[in-house]
Amino acid sequence: CGYRVHEAVSAAEAILILQAPEVSVDIVFSDVEMPGEMDGFGLA
């Protein structure tokens, strides 16, 4: 559909991507239930 897409398997990986200076993310599309210490609500 013409969007640039990054992928993450967990909230921790998502935060690493969001903190990368070369990456600019407009929208986070996240599942709520995820493994790890942080779920989708914590990520939000």
ModelCIF file with pLDDT and N, C-alpha, C, O atoms, coordinates in Angstrom:
data_MODEL
#
_entry.id   MODEL 
#
_entity.id                         1 
_entity.type                       polymer 
_entity.pdbx_number_of_molecules   1 
#
_entity_poly.entity_id                      1 
_entity_poly.type                           'polypeptide(L)' 
_entity_poly.nstd_linkage                   no 
_entity_poly.nstd_monomer                   no 
_entity_poly.pdbx_seq_one_letter_code       CGYRVHEAVSAAEAILILQAPEVSVDIVFSDVEMPGEMDGFGLA 
_entity_poly.pdbx_seq_one_letter_code_can   CGYRVHEAVSAAEAILILQAPEVSVDIVFSDVEMPGEMDGFGLA 
_entity_poly.pdbx_strand_id                 A 
#
loop_
_entity_poly_seq.entity_id 
_entity_poly_seq.num 
_entity_poly_seq.mon_id 
_entity_poly_seq.hetero 
1 1  CYS n 
1 2  GLY n 
1 3  TYR n 
1 4  ARG n 
1 5  VAL n 
1 6  HIS n 
1 7  GLU n 
1 8  ALA n 
1 9  VAL n 
1 10 SER n 
1 11 ALA n 
1 12 ALA n 
1 13 GLU n 
1 14 ALA n 
1 15 ILE n 
1 16 LEU n 
1 17 ILE n 
1 18 LEU n 
1 19 GLN n 
1 20 ALA n 
1 21 PRO n 
1 22 GLU n 
1 23 VAL n 
1 24 SER n 
1 25 VAL n 
1 26 ASP n 
1 27 ILE n 
1 28 VAL n 
1 29 PHE n 
1 30 SER n 
1 31 ASP n 
1 32 VAL n 
1 33 GLU n 
1 34 MET n 
1 35 PRO n 
1 36 GLY n 
1 37 GLU n 
1 38 MET n 
1 39 ASP n 
1 40 GLY n 
1 41 PHE n 
1 42 GLY n 
1 43 LEU n 
1 44 ALA n 
#
_struct_asym.id          A 
_struct_asym.entity_id   1 
#
loop_
_ma_qa_metric.id 
_ma_qa_metric.mode 
_ma_qa_metric.name 
_ma_qa_metric.software_group_id 
_ma_qa_metric.type 
1 global pLDDT . pLDDT 
2 local  pLDDT . pLDDT 
#
_ma_qa_metric_global.metric_id      1 
_ma_qa_metric_global.metric_value   93.91 
_ma_qa_metric_global.model_id       1 
_ma_qa_metric_global.ordinal_id     1 
#
loop_
_ma_qa_metric_local.label_asym_id 
_ma_qa_metric_local.label_comp_id 
_ma_qa_metric_local.label_seq_id 
_ma_qa_metric_local.metric_id 
_ma_qa_metric_local.metric_value 
_ma_qa_metric_local.model_id 
_ma_qa_metric_local.ordinal_id 
A CYS 1  2 87.00 1 1  
A GLY 2  2 87.00 1 2  
A TYR 3  2 90.00 1 3  
A ARG 4  2 93.00 1 4  
A VAL 5  2 94.00 1 5  
A HIS 6  2 97.00 1 6  
A GLU 7  2 97.00 1 7  
A ALA 8  2 97.00 1 8  
A VAL 9  2 96.00 1 9  
A SER 10 2 96.00 1 10 
A ALA 11 2 97.00 1 11 
A ALA 12 2 97.00 1 12 
A GLU 13 2 97.00 1 13 
A ALA 14 2 98.00 1 14 
A ILE 15 2 98.00 1 15 
A LEU 16 2 97.00 1 16 
A ILE 17 2 97.00 1 17 
A LEU 18 2 98.00 1 18 
A GLN 19 2 97.00 1 19 
A ALA 20 2 96.00 1 20 
A PRO 21 2 94.00 1 21 
A GLU 22 2 93.00 1 22 
A VAL 23 2 93.00 1 23 
A SER 24 2 93.00 1 24 
A VAL 25 2 96.00 1 25 
A ASP 26 2 95.00 1 26 
A ILE 27 2 93.00 1 27 
A VAL 28 2 95.00 1 28 
A PHE 29 2 93.00 1 29 
A SER 30 2 93.00 1 30 
A ASP 31 2 91.00 1 31 
A VAL 32 2 90.00 1 32 
A GLU 33 2 89.00 1 33 
A MET 34 2 88.00 1 34 
A PRO 35 2 87.00 1 35 
A GLY 36 2 91.00 1 36 
A GLU 37 2 93.00 1 37 
A MET 38 2 95.00 1 38 
A ASP 39 2 94.00 1 39 
A GLY 40 2 93.00 1 40 
A PHE 41 2 92.00 1 41 
A GLY 42 2 95.00 1 42 
A LEU 43 2 96.00 1 43 
A ALA 44 2 94.00 1 44 
#
loop_
_atom_site.group_PDB 
_atom_site.id 
_atom_site.type_symbol 
_atom_site.label_atom_id 
_atom_site.label_alt_id 
_atom_site.label_comp_id 
_atom_site.label_asym_id 
_atom_site.label_entity_id 
_atom_site.label_seq_id 
_atom_site.pdbx_PDB_ins_code 
_atom_site.Cartn_x 
_atom_site.Cartn_y 
_atom_site.Cartn_z 
_atom_site.occupancy 
_atom_site.B_iso_or_equiv 
_atom_site.pdbx_formal_charge 
_atom_site.auth_seq_id 
_atom_site.auth_comp_id 
_atom_site.auth_asym_id 
_atom_site.auth_atom_id 
_atom_site.pdbx_PDB_model_num 
ATOM 1   N N  . CYS A 1 1  ? 0.821  -1.214  0.000  1.00 87.00 ? 1  CYS A N  1 
ATOM 2   C CA . CYS A 1 1  ? 0.000  0.000   0.000  1.00 87.00 ? 1  CYS A CA 1 
ATOM 3   C C  . CYS A 1 1  ? 0.855  1.265   0.000  1.00 87.00 ? 1  CYS A C  1 
ATOM 4   O O  . CYS A 1 1  ? 0.325  2.375   0.035  1.00 87.00 ? 1  CYS A O  1 
ATOM 5   N N  . GLY A 1 2  ? 2.171  1.098   -0.039 1.00 87.00 ? 2  GLY A N  1 
ATOM 6   C CA . GLY A 1 2  ? 3.047  2.244   -0.188 1.00 87.00 ? 2  GLY A CA 1 
ATOM 7   C C  . GLY A 1 2  ? 3.645  2.796   1.093  1.00 87.00 ? 2  GLY A C  1 
ATOM 8   O O  . GLY A 1 2  ? 4.236  3.875   1.081  1.00 87.00 ? 2  GLY A O  1 
ATOM 9   N N  . TYR A 1 3  ? 3.503  2.074   2.202  1.00 90.00 ? 3  TYR A N  1 
ATOM 10  C CA . TYR A 1 3  ? 4.089  2.543   3.456  1.00 90.00 ? 3  TYR A CA 1 
ATOM 11  C C  . TYR A 1 3  ? 5.500  1.980   3.621  1.00 90.00 ? 3  TYR A C  1 
ATOM 12  O O  . TYR A 1 3  ? 5.819  0.908   3.108  1.00 90.00 ? 3  TYR A O  1 
ATOM 13  N N  . ARG A 1 4  ? 6.337  2.721   4.343  1.00 93.00 ? 4  ARG A N  1 
ATOM 14  C CA . ARG A 1 4  ? 7.621  2.167   4.789  1.00 93.00 ? 4  ARG A CA 1 
ATOM 15  C C  . ARG A 1 4  ? 7.303  1.379   6.049  1.00 93.00 ? 4  ARG A C  1 
ATOM 16  O O  . ARG A 1 4  ? 6.547  1.845   6.900  1.00 93.00 ? 4  ARG A O  1 
ATOM 17  N N  . VAL A 1 5  ? 7.874  0.190   6.172  1.00 94.00 ? 5  VAL A N  1 
ATOM 18  C CA . VAL A 1 5  ? 7.531  -0.661  7.309  1.00 94.00 ? 5  VAL A CA 1 
ATOM 19  C C  . VAL A 1 5  ? 8.782  -1.189  8.005  1.00 94.00 ? 5  VAL A C  1 
ATOM 20  O O  . VAL A 1 5  ? 9.703  -1.691  7.361  1.00 94.00 ? 5  VAL A O  1 
ATOM 21  N N  . HIS A 1 6  ? 8.796  -1.065  9.328  1.00 97.00 ? 6  HIS A N  1 
ATOM 22  C CA . HIS A 1 6  ? 9.791  -1.730  10.161 1.00 97.00 ? 6  HIS A CA 1 
ATOM 23  C C  . HIS A 1 6  ? 9.038  -2.798  10.940 1.00 97.00 ? 6  HIS A C  1 
ATOM 24  O O  . HIS A 1 6  ? 7.840  -2.664  11.189 1.00 97.00 ? 6  HIS A O  1 
ATOM 25  N N  . GLU A 1 7  ? 9.743  -3.860  11.325 1.00 97.00 ? 7  GLU A N  1 
ATOM 26  C CA . GLU A 1 7  ? 9.092  -4.938  12.065 1.00 97.00 ? 7  GLU A CA 1 
ATOM 27  C C  . GLU A 1 7  ? 9.848  -5.215  13.355 1.00 97.00 ? 7  GLU A C  1 
ATOM 28  O O  . GLU A 1 7  ? 11.076 -5.143  13.401 1.00 97.00 ? 7  GLU A O  1 
ATOM 29  N N  . ALA A 1 8  ? 9.092  -5.534  14.401 1.00 97.00 ? 8  ALA A N  1 
ATOM 30  C CA . ALA A 1 8  ? 9.677  -5.915  15.683 1.00 97.00 ? 8  ALA A CA 1 
ATOM 31  C C  . ALA A 1 8  ? 8.868  -7.072  16.259 1.00 97.00 ? 8  ALA A C  1 
ATOM 32  O O  . ALA A 1 8  ? 7.661  -7.173  16.039 1.00 97.00 ? 8  ALA A O  1 
ATOM 33  N N  . VAL A 1 9  ? 9.554  -7.948  17.004 1.00 96.00 ? 9  VAL A N  1 
ATOM 34  C CA . VAL A 1 9  ? 8.864  -9.109  17.591 1.00 96.00 ? 9  VAL A CA 1 
ATOM 35  C C  . VAL A 1 9  ? 8.480  -8.865  19.046 1.00 96.00 ? 9  VAL A C  1 
ATOM 36  O O  . VAL A 1 9  ? 7.754  -9.666  19.635 1.00 96.00 ? 9  VAL A O  1 
ATOM 37  N N  . SER A 1 10 ? 8.958  -7.767  19.631 1.00 96.00 ? 10 SER A N  1 
ATOM 38  C CA . SER A 1 10 ? 8.666  -7.500  21.039 1.00 96.00 ? 10 SER A CA 1 
ATOM 39  C C  . SER A 1 10 ? 8.697  -5.999  21.289 1.00 96.00 ? 10 SER A C  1 
ATOM 40  O O  . SER A 1 10 ? 9.177  -5.230  20.456 1.00 96.00 ? 10 SER A O  1 
ATOM 41  N N  . ALA A 1 11 ? 8.181  -5.590  22.445 1.00 97.00 ? 11 ALA A N  1 
ATOM 42  C CA . ALA A 1 11 ? 8.222  -4.178  22.820 1.00 97.00 ? 11 ALA A CA 1 
ATOM 43  C C  . ALA A 1 11 ? 9.664  -3.704  22.950 1.00 97.00 ? 11 ALA A C  1 
ATOM 44  O O  . ALA A 1 11 ? 9.992  -2.585  22.555 1.00 97.00 ? 11 ALA A O  1 
ATOM 45  N N  . ALA A 1 12 ? 10.528 -4.556  23.504 1.00 97.00 ? 12 ALA A N  1 
ATOM 46  C CA . ALA A 1 12 ? 11.935 -4.183  23.685 1.00 97.00 ? 12 ALA A CA 1 
ATOM 47  C C  . ALA A 1 12 ? 12.590 -3.901  22.330 1.00 97.00 ? 12 ALA A C  1 
ATOM 48  O O  . ALA A 1 12 ? 13.311 -2.915  22.180 1.00 97.00 ? 12 ALA A O  1 
ATOM 49  N N  . GLU A 1 13 ? 12.339 -4.761  21.355 1.00 97.00 ? 13 GLU A N  1 
ATOM 50  C CA . GLU A 1 13 ? 12.906 -4.550  20.016 1.00 97.00 ? 13 GLU A CA 1 
ATOM 51  C C  . GLU A 1 13 ? 12.296 -3.296  19.379 1.00 97.00 ? 13 GLU A C  1 
ATOM 52  O O  . GLU A 1 13 ? 12.995 -2.544  18.700 1.00 97.00 ? 13 GLU A O  1 
ATOM 53  N N  . ALA A 1 14 ? 11.006 -3.073  19.594 1.00 98.00 ? 14 ALA A N  1 
ATOM 54  C CA . ALA A 1 14 ? 10.335 -1.884  19.056 1.00 98.00 ? 14 ALA A CA 1 
ATOM 55  C C  . ALA A 1 14 ? 10.986 -0.613  19.603 1.00 98.00 ? 14 ALA A C  1 
ATOM 56  O O  . ALA A 1 14 ? 11.212 0.338   18.855 1.00 98.00 ? 14 ALA A O  1 
ATOM 57  N N  . ILE A 1 15 ? 11.287 -0.592  20.901 1.00 98.00 ? 15 ILE A N  1 
ATOM 58  C CA . ILE A 1 15 ? 11.899 0.591   21.513 1.00 98.00 ? 15 ILE A CA 1 
ATOM 59  C C  . ILE A 1 15 ? 13.288 0.837   20.941 1.00 98.00 ? 15 ILE A C  1 
ATOM 60  O O  . ILE A 1 15 ? 13.674 1.985   20.722 1.00 98.00 ? 15 ILE A O  1 
ATOM 61  N N  . LEU A 1 16 ? 14.042 -0.234  20.698 1.00 97.00 ? 16 LEU A N  1 
ATOM 62  C CA . LEU A 1 16 ? 15.366 -0.066  20.071 1.00 97.00 ? 16 LEU A CA 1 
ATOM 63  C C  . LEU A 1 16 ? 15.226 0.605   18.701 1.00 97.00 ? 16 LEU A C  1 
ATOM 64  O O  . LEU A 1 16 ? 16.004 1.496   18.359 1.00 97.00 ? 16 LEU A O  1 
ATOM 65  N N  . ILE A 1 17 ? 14.232 0.172   17.923 1.00 97.00 ? 17 ILE A N  1 
ATOM 66  C CA . ILE A 1 17 ? 14.004 0.763   16.598 1.00 97.00 ? 17 ILE A CA 1 
ATOM 67  C C  . ILE A 1 17 ? 13.572 2.223   16.750 1.00 97.00 ? 17 ILE A C  1 
ATOM 68  O O  . ILE A 1 17 ? 14.067 3.094   16.034 1.00 97.00 ? 17 ILE A O  1 
ATOM 69  N N  . LEU A 1 18 ? 12.650 2.494   17.681 1.00 98.00 ? 18 LEU A N  1 
ATOM 70  C CA . LEU A 1 18 ? 12.155 3.858   17.878 1.00 98.00 ? 18 LEU A CA 1 
ATOM 71  C C  . LEU A 1 18 ? 13.255 4.808   18.357 1.00 98.00 ? 18 LEU A C  1 
ATOM 72  O O  . LEU A 1 18 ? 13.194 6.008   18.085 1.00 98.00 ? 18 LEU A O  1 
ATOM 73  N N  . GLN A 1 19 ? 14.251 4.288   19.061 1.00 97.00 ? 19 GLN A N  1 
ATOM 74  C CA . GLN A 1 19 ? 15.341 5.121   19.567 1.00 97.00 ? 19 GLN A CA 1 
ATOM 75  C C  . GLN A 1 19 ? 16.458 5.326   18.552 1.00 97.00 ? 19 GLN A C  1 
ATOM 76  O O  . GLN A 1 19 ? 17.322 6.181   18.746 1.00 97.00 ? 19 GLN A O  1 
ATOM 77  N N  . ALA A 1 20 ? 16.451 4.544   17.465 1.00 96.00 ? 20 ALA A N  1 
ATOM 78  C CA . ALA A 1 20 ? 17.519 4.663   16.469 1.00 96.00 ? 20 ALA A CA 1 
ATOM 79  C C  . ALA A 1 20 ? 17.426 6.033   15.792 1.00 96.00 ? 20 ALA A C  1 
ATOM 80  O O  . ALA A 1 20 ? 16.368 6.396   15.277 1.00 96.00 ? 20 ALA A O  1 
ATOM 81  N N  . PRO A 1 21 ? 18.527 6.798   15.790 1.00 94.00 ? 21 PRO A N  1 
ATOM 82  C CA . PRO A 1 21 ? 18.469 8.158   15.252 1.00 94.00 ? 21 PRO A CA 1 
ATOM 83  C C  . PRO A 1 21 ? 18.126 8.216   13.763 1.00 94.00 ? 21 PRO A C  1 
ATOM 84  O O  . PRO A 1 21 ? 17.582 9.213   13.288 1.00 94.00 ? 21 PRO A O  1 
ATOM 85  N N  . GLU A 1 22 ? 18.442 7.148   13.028 1.00 93.00 ? 22 GLU A N  1 
ATOM 86  C CA . GLU A 1 22 ? 18.185 7.175   11.580 1.00 93.00 ? 22 GLU A CA 1 
ATOM 87  C C  . GLU A 1 22 ? 16.765 6.737   11.224 1.00 93.00 ? 22 GLU A C  1 
ATOM 88  O O  . GLU A 1 22 ? 16.392 6.749   10.051 1.00 93.00 ? 22 GLU A O  1 
ATOM 89  N N  . VAL A 1 23 ? 15.975 6.353   12.218 1.00 93.00 ? 23 VAL A N  1 
ATOM 90  C CA . VAL A 1 23 ? 14.618 5.859   11.968 1.00 93.00 ? 23 VAL A CA 1 
ATOM 91  C C  . VAL A 1 23 ? 13.606 6.870   12.479 1.00 93.00 ? 23 VAL A C  1 
ATOM 92  O O  . VAL A 1 23 ? 13.710 7.356   13.605 1.00 93.00 ? 23 VAL A O  1 
ATOM 93  N N  . SER A 1 24 ? 12.626 7.182   11.639 1.00 93.00 ? 24 SER A N  1 
ATOM 94  C CA . SER A 1 24 ? 11.527 8.049   12.064 1.00 93.00 ? 24 SER A CA 1 
ATOM 95  C C  . SER A 1 24 ? 10.233 7.274   11.837 1.00 93.00 ? 24 SER A C  1 
ATOM 96  O O  . SER A 1 24 ? 9.898  6.943   10.699 1.00 93.00 ? 24 SER A O  1 
ATOM 97  N N  . VAL A 1 25 ? 9.507  6.986   12.909 1.00 96.00 ? 25 VAL A N  1 
ATOM 98  C CA . VAL A 1 25 ? 8.283  6.187   12.817 1.00 96.00 ? 25 VAL A CA 1 
ATOM 99  C C  . VAL A 1 25 ? 7.077  7.093   13.053 1.00 96.00 ? 25 VAL A C  1 
ATOM 100 O O  . VAL A 1 25 ? 7.037  7.842   14.029 1.00 96.00 ? 25 VAL A O  1 
ATOM 101 N N  . ASP A 1 26 ? 6.095  7.021   12.151 1.00 95.00 ? 26 ASP A N  1 
ATOM 102 C CA . ASP A 1 26 ? 4.863  7.814   12.281 1.00 95.00 ? 26 ASP A CA 1 
ATOM 103 C C  . ASP A 1 26 ? 3.818  7.097   13.123 1.00 95.00 ? 26 ASP A C  1 
ATOM 104 O O  . ASP A 1 26 ? 3.124  7.710   13.935 1.00 95.00 ? 26 ASP A O  1 
ATOM 105 N N  . ILE A 1 27 ? 3.717  5.774   12.913 1.00 93.00 ? 27 ILE A N  1 
ATOM 106 C CA . ILE A 1 27 ? 2.666  4.992   13.571 1.00 93.00 ? 27 ILE A CA 1 
ATOM 107 C C  . ILE A 1 27 ? 3.248  3.679   14.080 1.00 93.00 ? 27 ILE A C  1 
ATOM 108 O O  . ILE A 1 27 ? 3.975  2.985   13.369 1.00 93.00 ? 27 ILE A O  1 
ATOM 109 N N  . VAL A 1 28 ? 2.914  3.354   15.325 1.00 95.00 ? 28 VAL A N  1 
ATOM 110 C CA . VAL A 1 28 ? 3.248  2.044   15.882 1.00 95.00 ? 28 VAL A CA 1 
ATOM 111 C C  . VAL A 1 28 ? 1.965  1.217   15.846 1.00 95.00 ? 28 VAL A C  1 
ATOM 112 O O  . VAL A 1 28 ? 0.949  1.602   16.425 1.00 95.00 ? 28 VAL A O  1 
ATOM 113 N N  . PHE A 1 29 ? 2.027  0.067   15.154 1.00 93.00 ? 29 PHE A N  1 
ATOM 114 C CA . PHE A 1 29 ? 0.897  -0.862  15.080 1.00 93.00 ? 29 PHE A CA 1 
ATOM 115 C C  . PHE A 1 29 ? 1.320  -2.085  15.879 1.00 93.00 ? 29 PHE A C  1 
ATOM 116 O O  . PHE A 1 29 ? 2.136  -2.881  15.413 1.00 93.00 ? 29 PHE A O  1 
ATOM 117 N N  . SER A 1 30 ? 0.771  -2.242  17.084 1.00 93.00 ? 30 SER A N  1 
ATOM 118 C CA . SER A 1 30 ? 1.285  -3.264  17.987 1.00 93.00 ? 30 SER A CA 1 
ATOM 119 C C  . SER A 1 30 ? 0.216  -4.186  18.540 1.00 93.00 ? 30 SER A C  1 
ATOM 120 O O  . SER A 1 30 ? -0.903 -3.774  18.843 1.00 93.00 ? 30 SER A O  1 
ATOM 121 N N  . ASP A 1 31 ? 0.600  -5.451  18.662 1.00 91.00 ? 31 ASP A N  1 
ATOM 122 C CA . ASP A 1 31 ? -0.224 -6.411  19.386 1.00 91.00 ? 31 ASP A CA 1 
ATOM 123 C C  . ASP A 1 31 ? -0.134 -6.062  20.868 1.00 91.00 ? 31 ASP A C  1 
ATOM 124 O O  . ASP A 1 31 ? 0.859  -5.486  21.312 1.00 91.00 ? 31 ASP A O  1 
ATOM 125 N N  . VAL A 1 32 ? -1.155 -6.405  21.624 1.00 90.00 ? 32 VAL A N  1 
ATOM 126 C CA . VAL A 1 32 ? -1.134 -6.169  23.066 1.00 90.00 ? 32 VAL A CA 1 
ATOM 127 C C  . VAL A 1 32 ? -0.372 -7.295  23.765 1.00 90.00 ? 32 VAL A C  1 
ATOM 128 O O  . VAL A 1 32 ? 0.515  -7.038  24.578 1.00 90.00 ? 32 VAL A O  1 
ATOM 129 N N  . GLU A 1 33 ? -0.720 -8.540  23.447 1.00 89.00 ? 33 GLU A N  1 
ATOM 130 C CA . GLU A 1 33 ? -0.099 -9.681  24.115 1.00 89.00 ? 33 GLU A CA 1 
ATOM 131 C C  . GLU A 1 33 ? 1.207  -10.045 23.430 1.00 89.00 ? 33 GLU A C  1 
ATOM 132 O O  . GLU A 1 33 ? 1.222  -10.507 22.289 1.00 89.00 ? 33 GLU A O  1 
ATOM 133 N N  . MET A 1 34 ? 2.307  -9.827  24.149 1.00 88.00 ? 34 MET A N  1 
ATOM 134 C CA . MET A 1 34 ? 3.623  -10.170 23.606 1.00 88.00 ? 34 MET A CA 1 
ATOM 135 C C  . MET A 1 34 ? 4.493  -10.742 24.713 1.00 88.00 ? 34 MET A C  1 
ATOM 136 O O  . MET A 1 34 ? 4.307  -10.420 25.886 1.00 88.00 ? 34 MET A O  1 
ATOM 137 N N  . PRO A 1 35 ? 5.451  -11.598 24.334 1.00 87.00 ? 35 PRO A N  1 
ATOM 138 C CA . PRO A 1 35 ? 6.364  -12.114 25.345 1.00 87.00 ? 35 PRO A CA 1 
ATOM 139 C C  . PRO A 1 35 ? 7.307  -11.019 25.821 1.00 87.00 ? 35 PRO A C  1 
ATOM 140 O O  . PRO A 1 35 ? 7.462  -9.994  25.157 1.00 87.00 ? 35 PRO A O  1 
ATOM 141 N N  . GLY A 1 36 ? 7.931  -11.235 26.961 1.00 91.00 ? 36 GLY A N  1 
ATOM 142 C CA . GLY A 1 36 ? 8.877  -10.241 27.467 1.00 91.00 ? 36 GLY A CA 1 
ATOM 143 C C  . GLY A 1 36 ? 8.284  -9.453  28.612 1.00 91.00 ? 36 GLY A C  1 
ATOM 144 O O  . GLY A 1 36 ? 7.150  -9.691  29.028 1.00 91.00 ? 36 GLY A O  1 
ATOM 145 N N  . GLU A 1 37 ? 9.059  -8.514  29.116 1.00 93.00 ? 37 GLU A N  1 
ATOM 146 C CA . GLU A 1 37 ? 8.642  -7.762  30.293 1.00 93.00 ? 37 GLU A CA 1 
ATOM 147 C C  . GLU A 1 37 ? 7.573  -6.724  29.989 1.00 93.00 ? 37 GLU A C  1 
ATOM 148 O O  . GLU A 1 37 ? 6.823  -6.332  30.883 1.00 93.00 ? 37 GLU A O  1 
ATOM 149 N N  . MET A 1 38 ? 7.492  -6.272  28.742 1.00 95.00 ? 38 MET A N  1 
ATOM 150 C CA . MET A 1 38 ? 6.557  -5.209  28.390 1.00 95.00 ? 38 MET A CA 1 
ATOM 151 C C  . MET A 1 38 ? 5.565  -5.695  27.339 1.00 95.00 ? 38 MET A C  1 
ATOM 152 O O  . MET A 1 38 ? 5.954  -6.297  26.338 1.00 95.00 ? 38 MET A O  1 
ATOM 153 N N  . ASP A 1 39 ? 4.271  -5.429  27.575 1.00 94.00 ? 39 ASP A N  1 
ATOM 154 C CA . ASP A 1 39 ? 3.263  -5.776  26.572 1.00 94.00 ? 39 ASP A CA 1 
ATOM 155 C C  . ASP A 1 39 ? 2.957  -4.551  25.711 1.00 94.00 ? 39 ASP A C  1 
ATOM 156 O O  . ASP A 1 39 ? 3.639  -3.532  25.810 1.00 94.00 ? 39 ASP A O  1 
ATOM 157 N N  . GLY A 1 40 ? 1.944  -4.653  24.878 1.00 93.00 ? 40 GLY A N  1 
ATOM 158 C CA . GLY A 1 40 ? 1.594  -3.541  23.989 1.00 93.00 ? 40 GLY A CA 1 
ATOM 159 C C  . GLY A 1 40 ? 1.162  -2.284  24.729 1.00 93.00 ? 40 GLY A C  1 
ATOM 160 O O  . GLY A 1 40 ? 1.406  -1.172  24.261 1.00 93.00 ? 40 GLY A O  1 
ATOM 161 N N  . PHE A 1 41 ? 0.517  -2.456  25.889 1.00 92.00 ? 41 PHE A N  1 
ATOM 162 C CA . PHE A 1 41 ? 0.110  -1.285  26.670 1.00 92.00 ? 41 PHE A CA 1 
ATOM 163 C C  . PHE A 1 41 ? 1.339  -0.559  27.212 1.00 92.00 ? 41 PHE A C  1 
ATOM 164 O O  . PHE A 1 41 ? 1.411  0.670   27.192 1.00 92.00 ? 41 PHE A O  1 
ATOM 165 N N  . GLY A 1 42 ? 2.304  -1.343  27.696 1.00 95.00 ? 42 GLY A N  1 
ATOM 166 C CA . GLY A 1 42 ? 3.544  -0.746  28.198 1.00 95.00 ? 42 GLY A CA 1 
ATOM 167 C C  . GLY A 1 42 ? 4.271  -0.010  27.085 1.00 95.00 ? 42 GLY A C  1 
ATOM 168 O O  . GLY A 1 42 ? 4.810  1.078   27.291 1.00 95.00 ? 42 GLY A O  1 
ATOM 169 N N  . LEU A 1 43 ? 4.280  -0.620  25.897 1.00 96.00 ? 43 LEU A N  1 
ATOM 170 C CA . LEU A 1 43 ? 4.911  0.027   24.742 1.00 96.00 ? 43 LEU A CA 1 
ATOM 171 C C  . LEU A 1 43 ? 4.185  1.328   24.405 1.00 96.00 ? 43 LEU A C  1 
ATOM 172 O O  . LEU A 1 43 ? 4.822  2.345   24.131 1.00 96.00 ? 43 LEU A O  1 
ATOM 173 N N  . ALA A 1 44 ? 2.855  1.294   24.426 1.00 94.00 ? 44 ALA A N  1 
ATOM 174 C CA . ALA A 1 44 ? 2.075  2.501   24.120 1.00 94.00 ? 44 ALA A CA 1 
ATOM 175 C C  . ALA A 1 44 ? 2.386  3.612   25.128 1.00 94.00 ? 44 ALA A C  1 
ATOM 176 O O  . ALA A 1 44 ? 1.828  4.705   25.034 1.00 94.00 ? 44 ALA A O  1 
#
